[in-house]
Protein backbone atom coordinates (compact mmCIF):
# COMPACT_ATOMS: atom_id res chain seq x y z
CA MET A 1 0.14 0.10 0.20
CA GLU A 2 1.20 3.77 -0.95
CA ARG A 3 2.13 5.63 2.12
CA LEU A 4 0.81 8.58 1.71
CA GLY A 5 1.36 10.72 4.86
CA THR A 6 -0.47 13.77 6.15
CA GLY A 7 -3.03 15.43 3.40
CA ILE A 8 -5.40 18.06 3.61
CA GLY A 9 -8.80 18.30 1.28
CA TRP A 10 -8.23 20.77 -1.54
CA ARG A 11 -10.81 23.57 -2.17
CA PRO A 12 -10.31 26.56 -4.08
CA GLU A 13 -11.04 28.44 -1.31
CA ILE A 14 -7.92 27.53 0.60
CA ALA A 15 -5.97 26.95 -2.12
CA ASP A 16 -3.44 29.23 -1.38
CA ALA A 17 -3.11 28.60 2.16
CA VAL A 18 -2.50 24.80 1.22
CA GLU A 19 0.30 25.73 -1.24
CA ARG A 20 1.64 27.39 1.82
CA MET A 21 1.13 24.81 4.71
CA PRO A 22 4.07 22.90 5.93
CA GLY A 23 4.25 19.27 6.01
CA ILE A 24 1.40 18.62 3.40
CA ASP A 25 2.40 15.56 1.83
CA TRP A 26 -0.89 14.94 -0.56
CA VAL A 27 -4.28 16.84 -0.84
CA GLU A 28 -7.37 15.53 -2.49
CA ALA A 29 -9.50 17.24 -4.36
CA VAL A 30 -13.61 16.66 -5.16
CA ALA A 31 -13.62 15.07 -8.44
CA GLU A 32 -16.91 16.67 -9.60
CA ASN A 33 -15.23 20.00 -9.39
CA ILE A 34 -12.35 19.57 -11.51
CA CYS A 35 -12.46 19.51 -15.45
CA PRO A 36 -9.45 17.47 -16.91
CA GLY A 37 -8.59 19.27 -19.71
CA HIS A 38 -8.54 22.59 -17.14
CA LEU A 39 -7.20 21.80 -13.99
CA PRO A 40 -6.64 24.42 -11.96
CA GLU A 41 -3.02 26.47 -11.62
CA SER A 42 -2.79 25.19 -7.83
CA LEU A 43 -3.23 21.64 -8.42
CA ARG A 44 -0.75 21.88 -11.22
CA ARG A 45 1.96 23.52 -9.09
CA LEU A 46 1.55 20.94 -5.98
CA ARG A 47 1.68 17.80 -8.60
CA ALA A 48 4.85 19.66 -9.93
CA ARG A 49 6.52 20.16 -6.57
CA GLY A 50 5.73 16.13 -5.81
CA VAL A 51 2.69 16.26 -3.78
CA THR A 52 -0.02 13.18 -4.53
CA VAL A 53 -3.47 14.85 -5.80
CA ILE A 54 -6.38 12.22 -5.23
CA PRO A 55 -9.59 12.76 -6.99
CA HIS A 56 -12.77 11.83 -4.44
CA GLY A 57 -15.82 11.34 -6.23
CA VAL A 58 -19.66 11.88 -4.55
CA SER A 59 -21.71 11.41 -7.15
CA LEU A 60 -21.11 8.12 -8.62
CA GLY A 61 -23.87 6.40 -5.66
CA LEU A 62 -22.12 2.94 -5.91
CA GLY A 63 -25.10 1.67 -3.30
CA GLY A 64 -27.81 2.76 -5.37
CA ALA A 65 -30.04 -0.46 -7.00
CA ASP A 66 -28.74 0.67 -10.86
CA ARG A 67 -25.48 -0.47 -12.09
CA PRO A 68 -22.74 2.79 -11.77
CA ASP A 69 -23.36 5.46 -15.15
CA GLU A 70 -20.67 4.75 -17.76
CA ASP A 71 -20.54 8.47 -18.52
CA ARG A 72 -19.65 9.06 -14.59
CA LEU A 73 -17.35 6.34 -14.53
CA THR A 74 -15.70 7.46 -17.86
CA ALA A 75 -15.17 10.70 -15.89
CA LEU A 76 -13.91 9.65 -12.81
CA ALA A 77 -11.33 7.84 -15.05
CA GLU A 78 -10.12 11.15 -17.00
CA ARG A 79 -9.66 12.95 -13.53
CA ALA A 80 -7.32 9.76 -12.00
CA GLN A 81 -5.31 10.03 -15.45
CA ALA A 82 -5.22 13.82 -15.46
CA LEU A 83 -3.79 14.06 -11.91
CA GLY A 84 -1.59 10.85 -12.31
CA ALA A 85 -3.21 9.92 -9.03
CA PRO A 86 -2.41 6.28 -7.66
CA LEU A 87 -5.88 5.75 -6.55
CA VAL A 88 -9.65 7.13 -6.59
CA THR A 89 -12.21 7.20 -4.05
CA GLU A 90 -16.16 6.85 -3.53
CA HIS A 91 -18.77 6.60 -1.22
CA ILE A 92 -20.79 3.34 -0.25
CA ALA A 93 -23.92 5.14 -0.48
CA PHE A 94 -26.57 5.93 -2.71
CA VAL A 95 -27.34 9.36 -4.01
CA ARG A 96 -30.93 9.07 -6.39
CA ALA A 97 -33.30 6.29 -6.80
CA GLY A 98 -36.17 5.94 -9.23
CA GLY A 99 -36.30 5.66 -12.53
CA PRO A 100 -37.27 3.10 -14.63
CA LEU A 101 -35.97 0.22 -12.13
CA THR A 102 -38.97 0.91 -10.07
CA ALA A 103 -41.26 2.86 -12.83
CA SER A 104 -40.87 6.16 -10.77
CA PRO A 105 -39.83 9.53 -11.18
CA LEU A 106 -36.17 9.62 -10.64
CA LEU A 107 -35.18 11.90 -7.41
CA GLU A 108 -31.31 13.35 -6.80
CA ALA A 109 -30.83 13.32 -2.50
CA GLY A 110 -27.78 15.84 -3.11
CA HIS A 111 -26.49 14.02 -0.30
CA LEU A 112 -25.00 10.80 0.47
CA LEU A 113 -27.53 8.30 2.12
CA PRO A 114 -26.89 4.94 3.54
CA VAL A 115 -27.12 1.52 2.02
CA PRO A 116 -29.20 -0.87 4.28
CA ARG A 117 -26.43 -3.62 5.61
CA THR A 118 -28.80 -6.31 4.29
CA ARG A 119 -27.34 -9.74 2.23
CA GLY A 120 -29.43 -8.91 -0.42
CA ALA A 121 -27.93 -4.82 -0.78
CA LEU A 122 -24.38 -5.97 0.08
CA ASP A 123 -24.90 -8.31 -3.41
CA VAL A 124 -25.84 -5.41 -5.66
CA LEU A 125 -23.17 -3.02 -3.87
CA CYS A 126 -20.25 -5.67 -4.46
CA GLU A 127 -21.54 -5.90 -8.16
CA ASN A 128 -21.61 -2.19 -8.51
CA VAL A 129 -17.48 -1.85 -7.10
CA ARG A 130 -17.02 -4.33 -9.37
CA ILE A 131 -18.65 -2.67 -12.81
CA ALA A 132 -16.12 0.68 -11.05
CA GLN A 133 -13.45 -1.22 -10.55
CA ASP A 134 -13.04 -2.85 -14.26
CA ALA A 135 -13.71 0.76 -15.68
CA LEU A 136 -11.13 2.60 -13.47
CA PRO A 137 -7.16 2.77 -14.76
CA VAL A 138 -6.51 2.95 -10.76
CA PRO A 139 -7.49 0.88 -7.63
CA LEU A 140 -10.46 2.00 -6.00
CA ALA A 141 -11.29 2.90 -2.09
CA VAL A 142 -14.87 3.39 -0.69
CA GLU A 143 -15.38 5.47 1.96
CA ASN A 144 -18.14 4.76 4.69
CA ILE A 145 -20.47 7.25 5.65
CA ALA A 146 -22.53 9.61 8.24
CA ALA A 147 -25.88 8.78 8.96
CA LEU A 148 -28.80 10.15 10.63
CA VAL A 149 -31.06 7.67 10.05
CA SER A 150 -30.44 4.01 10.22
CA TRP A 151 -32.92 1.25 8.26
CA PRO A 152 -34.85 -1.13 9.91
CA GLY A 153 -34.00 -5.04 9.60
CA GLU A 154 -30.46 -4.64 9.06
CA GLU A 155 -28.29 -8.11 9.44
CA MET A 156 -24.79 -6.63 9.85
CA THR A 157 -23.16 -4.08 11.80
CA GLU A 158 -20.98 -1.64 10.02
CA GLY A 159 -17.60 -3.21 10.73
CA GLN A 160 -18.92 -6.52 9.21
CA PHE A 161 -20.66 -5.04 6.26
CA LEU A 162 -17.17 -3.14 5.44
CA TYR A 163 -15.51 -6.73 6.18
CA GLU A 164 -17.91 -8.35 3.60
CA LEU A 165 -17.14 -5.65 0.72
CA ALA A 166 -13.86 -5.62 0.86
CA ASP A 167 -13.31 -9.43 1.44
CA ARG A 168 -15.46 -10.06 -1.93
CA THR A 169 -14.62 -7.55 -4.14
CA GLY A 170 -11.30 -6.81 -2.90
CA VAL A 171 -11.58 -2.60 -2.87
CA ARG A 172 -10.00 -0.62 -0.41
CA LEU A 173 -11.65 1.31 2.05
CA LEU A 174 -11.04 4.34 3.10
CA ILE A 175 -12.24 4.84 6.81
CA ASP A 176 -13.58 8.21 7.96
CA VAL A 177 -13.03 8.19 11.72
CA ALA A 178 -15.40 11.63 11.87
CA ASN A 179 -18.35 9.16 10.00
CA LEU A 180 -17.85 6.33 12.84
CA HIS A 181 -17.88 9.17 15.69
CA THR A 182 -21.51 10.44 14.13
CA ASN A 183 -23.23 6.98 13.62
CA HIS A 184 -21.88 6.46 17.11
CA VAL A 185 -23.98 9.46 18.36
CA ASN A 186 -26.79 9.30 15.98
CA GLY A 187 -26.86 5.19 16.26
CA GLY A 188 -24.92 3.58 18.99
CA GLU A 189 -22.75 2.17 17.18
CA ASP A 190 -19.46 1.57 19.37
CA PRO A 191 -16.70 2.71 17.14
CA ALA A 192 -13.90 0.34 18.40
CA LYS A 193 -16.26 -2.76 17.65
CA ALA A 194 -16.16 -1.02 14.06
CA LEU A 195 -12.54 -0.66 13.88
CA ALA A 196 -12.01 -4.51 15.52
CA GLU A 197 -13.72 -5.98 12.40
CA LEU A 198 -12.52 -4.29 9.79
CA PRO A 199 -9.68 -5.69 7.54
CA LEU A 200 -7.12 -2.86 8.45
CA GLU A 201 -4.85 -4.08 5.67
CA ALA A 202 -7.03 -2.98 3.26
CA ILE A 203 -7.21 0.46 4.88
CA ALA A 204 -5.93 2.68 1.85
CA TYR A 205 -6.45 6.41 3.93
CA VAL A 206 -8.40 7.87 6.83
CA HIS A 207 -10.53 10.94 6.86
CA VAL A 208 -10.40 13.46 9.92
CA ALA A 209 -13.03 15.73 10.06
CA GLY A 210 -15.60 18.10 12.29
CA GLY A 211 -19.09 18.32 13.09
CA PHE A 212 -21.36 19.51 15.60
CA GLU A 213 -24.18 18.01 17.83
CA ARG A 214 -27.72 19.76 17.78
CA ASP A 215 -30.74 18.19 20.23
CA GLY A 216 -28.99 14.72 20.40
CA VAL A 217 -28.59 14.29 16.45
CA TRP A 218 -24.63 14.79 14.89
CA HIS A 219 -24.34 16.64 12.22
CA ASP A 220 -21.09 15.97 9.70
CA SER A 221 -20.70 19.42 9.03
CA HIS A 222 -16.76 19.32 7.63
CA ALA A 223 -17.54 23.31 8.75
CA HIS A 224 -16.49 23.10 12.23
CA PRO A 225 -13.63 22.24 14.42
CA VAL A 226 -12.34 18.29 15.07
CA PRO A 227 -13.35 16.95 18.14
CA GLU A 228 -11.38 15.33 20.17
CA PRO A 229 -13.62 11.95 20.47
CA VAL A 230 -12.94 11.75 16.23
CA LEU A 231 -9.18 11.88 17.27
CA ASP A 232 -9.50 9.35 20.09
CA ILE A 233 -11.14 7.15 17.29
CA LEU A 234 -7.68 8.04 15.02
CA THR A 235 -5.56 7.22 18.11
CA ASP A 236 -7.38 3.77 18.59
CA LEU A 237 -7.46 2.95 14.82
CA ALA A 238 -3.70 4.01 14.73
CA ALA A 239 -3.32 1.59 17.40
CA ARG A 240 -4.25 -0.88 15.35
CA VAL A 241 -2.62 -0.48 12.35
CA SER A 242 -0.62 2.68 10.80
CA PRO A 243 -2.57 4.11 8.64
CA PRO A 244 -1.03 4.68 4.70
CA GLY A 245 -2.32 8.39 4.91
CA VAL A 246 -4.26 10.52 6.88
CA LEU A 247 -6.28 13.53 5.70
CA LEU A 248 -8.30 16.34 7.31
CA GLU A 249 -11.55 17.30 5.42
CA ARG A 250 -13.10 21.06 5.26
CA ASP A 251 -15.82 22.31 3.01
CA GLU A 252 -16.79 25.42 3.89
CA ASN A 253 -16.85 28.01 6.83
CA PHE A 254 -12.58 27.72 6.56
CA PRO A 255 -10.98 29.52 9.24
CA GLU A 256 -7.54 31.23 8.82
CA PRO A 257 -4.51 28.56 8.09
CA ALA A 258 -2.61 28.72 11.20
CA VAL A 259 -6.12 26.87 13.07
CA LEU A 260 -6.02 24.37 9.67
CA GLU A 261 -2.12 23.85 10.88
CA ARG A 262 -2.95 23.44 14.49
CA GLU A 263 -6.14 20.98 13.53
CA LEU A 264 -3.12 18.80 10.92
CA GLU A 265 -0.73 19.14 14.11
CA ALA A 266 -3.63 17.46 16.58
CA ILE A 267 -4.32 14.80 13.83
CA ARG A 268 0.03 13.93 13.45
CA ALA A 269 0.12 13.60 17.51
CA ALA A 270 -3.27 11.42 17.30
CA VAL A 271 -1.68 8.77 15.35
CA GLU A 272 1.94 8.91 17.17
CA LYS A 273 -0.19 8.41 19.97
CA GLY A 274 -1.74 5.55 18.57
CA GLY A 275 1.37 3.98 17.09
CA ALA A 276 3.00 4.29 20.31
CA ILE A 277 0.57 2.12 21.82
CA ARG A 278 1.06 -0.03 18.69
CA GLU A 279 4.51 -0.69 19.35
CA GLU A 280 3.55 -1.36 22.93
CA THR A 281 1.47 -4.17 22.49
CA ALA A 282 2.63 -5.86 19.04
CA ALA A 283 3.54 -8.88 20.64
CA GLU A 284 0.36 -9.20 22.76
CA ALA A 285 -1.98 -8.20 20.18
CA ALA A 286 0.13 -10.91 18.10
CA ALA A 287 -0.61 -13.40 20.58
CA THR A 288 -4.26 -13.15 20.74
CA ALA A 289 -5.58 -11.65 17.60
CA THR A 290 -8.93 -12.80 16.57
CA VAL A 291 -10.76 -11.87 13.08
CA GLY A 292 -13.24 -9.78 13.34
CA ALA A 293 -15.44 -10.60 10.10
CA VAL A 294 -18.71 -12.02 9.86
CA ALA A 295 -19.39 -15.52 9.25
CA PRO A 296 -20.45 -15.79 5.44
CA ALA A 297 -24.08 -16.47 4.75
CA PRO A 298 -24.70 -19.29 3.17
CA ALA A 299 -25.49 -19.17 -0.91
CA THR A 300 -29.22 -18.89 -1.93
CA ALA A 301 -31.33 -19.24 -4.73
CA THR A 302 -34.11 -17.47 -3.70
CA ALA A 303 -33.72 -14.54 -5.62
CA THR A 304 -32.08 -13.39 -9.22
CA ALA A 305 -29.57 -10.26 -8.80
CA ALA A 306 -32.18 -8.37 -11.22
CA ALA A 307 -34.40 -9.36 -8.48
CA ALA A 308 -32.57 -8.12 -5.68
CA ARG A 309 -31.82 -4.40 -7.52
CA GLN A 310 -35.80 -4.06 -7.97
CA ARG A 311 -36.29 -4.52 -4.25
CA LEU A 312 -33.53 -2.62 -3.36
CA GLY A 313 -34.63 0.30 -5.63
CA LEU A 314 -38.04 0.21 -4.42
CA ALA A 315 -36.88 0.69 -0.80
CA GLN A 316 -34.43 3.30 -1.85
CA ALA A 317 -37.01 4.88 -3.80
CA ALA A 318 -39.52 5.02 -0.81
CA LEU A 319 -36.96 6.32 1.57
CA LEU A 320 -36.11 9.95 -0.37
CA SER A 321 -39.51 10.32 -1.58
CA ALA A 322 -40.32 10.67 1.96
CA LEU A 323 -37.41 12.76 2.50
CA VAL A 324 -37.55 14.93 -0.59
CA ALA A 325 -40.96 14.64 -1.85
CA GLY A 326 -42.89 14.36 1.66
CA THR A 327 -44.51 11.20 1.04
CA PRO A 328 -45.31 8.44 3.66
CA VAL A 329 -42.68 7.53 5.82
CA PRO A 330 -41.55 4.06 5.20
CA GLU A 331 -42.25 1.52 7.79
CA GLY A 332 -40.14 0.68 10.40
CA PHE A 333 -38.04 4.39 10.34
CA ASP A 334 -37.57 7.12 12.75
CA ARG A 335 -40.31 9.73 11.88
CA VAL A 336 -38.31 11.98 13.91
CA ARG A 337 -34.94 11.67 13.10
CA LEU A 338 -36.23 11.22 9.31
CA GLY A 339 -37.93 14.81 9.77
CA VAL A 340 -34.27 15.87 10.95
CA GLN A 341 -32.82 13.91 7.88
CA ALA A 342 -35.23 16.08 5.25
CA ARG A 343 -34.36 19.62 6.75
CA ALA A 344 -30.74 19.13 6.45
CA LEU A 345 -31.30 18.02 2.66
CA ALA A 346 -33.09 21.16 2.35
CA GLY A 347 -30.34 22.88 4.15
CA LYS A 348 -27.91 21.79 1.75
CA ARG A 349 -29.78 22.39 -1.50
CA ALA A 350 -29.99 25.90 -0.46
CA ASP A 351 -26.51 26.41 0.54
CA VAL A 352 -25.07 24.82 -2.19
CA VAL A 353 -26.99 26.56 -4.84
CA ALA A 354 -26.49 29.65 -3.23
CA LYS A 355 -22.61 28.20 -4.14
CA VAL A 356 -23.59 27.31 -7.62
CA ALA A 357 -25.40 30.19 -8.31
CA PRO A 358 -24.13 33.38 -5.74
CA GLU A 359 -26.18 35.71 -7.72
CA LEU A 360 -29.27 34.48 -6.48
CA PRO A 361 -28.67 35.56 -2.75
CA GLU A 362 -27.17 38.74 -4.09
CA ILE A 363 -30.84 39.54 -6.07
CA LEU A 364 -33.13 37.99 -3.43
CA GLY A 365 -31.02 39.59 -0.21
CA ASP A 366 -32.60 38.09 2.84
CA ALA A 367 -35.30 36.59 1.23
CA TYR A 368 -33.19 33.85 -0.51
CA ARG A 369 -32.91 31.03 2.31
CA PRO A 370 -36.68 31.15 2.90
CA ALA A 371 -37.93 30.94 -0.90
CA PHE A 372 -36.00 28.42 -1.53
CA LEU A 373 -36.76 26.70 1.63
CA ALA A 374 -40.59 26.67 0.48
CA TYR A 375 -39.78 25.95 -2.91
CA ALA A 376 -37.56 22.48 -1.65
CA HIS A 377 -40.51 21.15 0.21
CA ARG A 378 -42.64 21.23 -3.42
CA HIS A 379 -40.26 20.53 -5.32
CA PRO A 380 -37.72 17.43 -5.10
CA MET A 381 -34.47 17.80 -6.92
CA THR A 382 -34.24 15.74 -10.35
CA GLY A 383 -31.24 16.72 -11.62
CA GLY A 384 -27.63 18.84 -10.09
CA TYR A 385 -27.76 21.64 -8.76
CA ARG A 386 -27.42 24.06 -11.43
CA ARG A 387 -30.25 22.97 -12.78
CA ASP A 388 -31.80 23.40 -9.12
CA ALA A 389 -30.95 27.10 -9.35
CA LEU A 390 -32.71 27.35 -12.91
CA ASP A 391 -35.59 25.76 -11.61
CA PHE A 392 -35.63 27.48 -8.61
CA ALA A 393 -35.61 31.09 -10.15
CA GLY A 394 -37.99 29.80 -13.06
CA GLN A 395 -40.66 28.86 -10.03
CA LEU A 396 -40.06 31.74 -8.43
CA LEU A 397 -41.26 34.01 -11.27
CA LEU A 398 -44.13 31.90 -12.34
CA ASP A 399 -45.53 31.30 -8.85
CA GLY A 400 -46.47 35.56 -8.46
CA ARG A 401 -44.71 35.55 -4.99
CA LEU A 402 -42.11 37.82 -6.19
CA GLU A 403 -43.18 41.28 -6.62
CA GLU A 404 -42.61 43.87 -9.81
CA GLY A 405 -39.23 45.37 -8.60
CA ARG A 406 -35.71 45.59 -8.90
CA ALA A 407 -35.27 41.86 -7.46
CA ARG A 408 -37.96 40.48 -9.85
CA ARG A 409 -36.15 42.48 -13.23
CA GLU A 410 -32.69 41.19 -12.41
CA LEU A 411 -34.01 37.39 -11.53
CA ARG A 412 -35.80 37.12 -14.92
CA GLU A 413 -32.78 38.43 -16.45
CA TRP A 414 -30.45 36.09 -14.66
CA TRP A 415 -33.14 33.30 -15.90
CA LEU A 416 -33.27 34.38 -19.43
CA GLU A 417 -29.47 34.38 -19.90
CA ARG A 418 -28.75 30.47 -18.62
CA SER A 419 -32.09 29.12 -19.24
CA GLY A 420 -31.60 28.21 -23.13
CA PRO A 421 -28.68 26.28 -24.87
CA ALA A 422 -26.59 29.18 -25.19
CA PRO A 423 -26.41 32.28 -23.41
CA ARG A 424 -28.50 34.64 -24.10
CA SER A 425 -26.42 37.60 -24.87
CA GLN A 426 -24.69 34.87 -27.15
CA ARG A 427 -27.81 34.08 -29.12
CA PRO A 428 -28.21 35.05 -33.10
CA ALA A 429 -31.44 37.40 -32.14
CA VAL A 430 -30.07 38.87 -29.54
CA ARG A 431 -26.63 39.93 -30.93
CA MET A 432 -28.34 41.13 -34.22
CA ALA A 433 -31.10 43.31 -32.00
CA ARG A 434 -27.76 44.74 -29.83
CA ALA A 435 -25.66 44.96 -33.21
CA ALA A 436 -28.76 47.27 -34.34
CA ARG A 437 -29.26 49.27 -31.50
CA ARG A 438 -26.06 49.82 -31.45
CA VAL A 439 -26.08 51.79 -35.40
CA LEU A 440 -29.36 53.47 -34.27
CA LEU A 441 -27.75 55.24 -31.21
CA ARG A 442 -24.56 56.50 -33.87
CA ARG A 443 -26.91 58.02 -35.82
């Protein structure tokens, strides 16, 4: 396994600071935010210095019922090649549901949602991982996610599920210790037990991130300081195995570079502490080691792969529809927790749309967020965030809630400029009209 060292998530907002930080051995960049033919200059400079750059995908949906999309796999492969990456990473999650498999509308979550830890879901996940492995030019590592909701009727613990996935596919694991903490607070899962059940030799690297607790629910925000319990889990992991790499994730609410550097130092200290424990107990561990995997279930012939995909698809579509479209909560789920997740999804949509279309909050001011949340409650996301921004603006213009005035005029111009196949300012009729106007003005 390649040794990566200590890294940080590369984001455009902190690109300059990352380049100046001491002791950064590697960085990770969100794959969907990179254009292979136009790599950011900051990443080019880092690569020229010998800093490894790994693309981290967020939209493949390997845990979904459908097979991985070929175009998305091709795009991920292109980014790996453009960056000269030694591996690529994705998540054990589903991000969309519905469509032809379930004869229902296709819905996008805009978020990573948990896969049920059942035999049927594992079979589908394993097949999807193998498809992705065959399509990618470098090894694949998959990440455990944080969850606000739990599936009823699960048959395995998180550690057992990850062990079997790695054992059956040979996929590497990206272990997020912050997500283990999240699942401990939200679902009562023991991080130490999960680590004991993992195939430690399959770990590609480790994520560390911050979050916050509200009303007994932990939110994996990637926008807050790394708490001590997360560092404790990192120490426990490092006491069991020397992690090939450890990376600090921060996606928004970026502090001063000095604060990030202190967090990186705390991460290094936690790894060193775990390493010291590992060395002290190596002899004892060798004498008492046990395998933490669950025994494989006997093979059955009660269902075909297609039937397993359809069952999983129907279950995921019902859950996602309850979260984003207000349909009834599926049996066995915690209604209160689903309400928390639904509000979190709507809030994330509002935040991301404000990032991809910053003109909208500028035009609407303080009215932007309540207007978008009201829109999200009635209109599930069916495409990407840029499509969501356009649909929101169009709906706001159509429903008459935005009174005549400056904001409405600017919003209409913004929507018209972006709603066609080409920017309105570049369309032939508009160019001709503007040219004619310039001629008339010169007379």
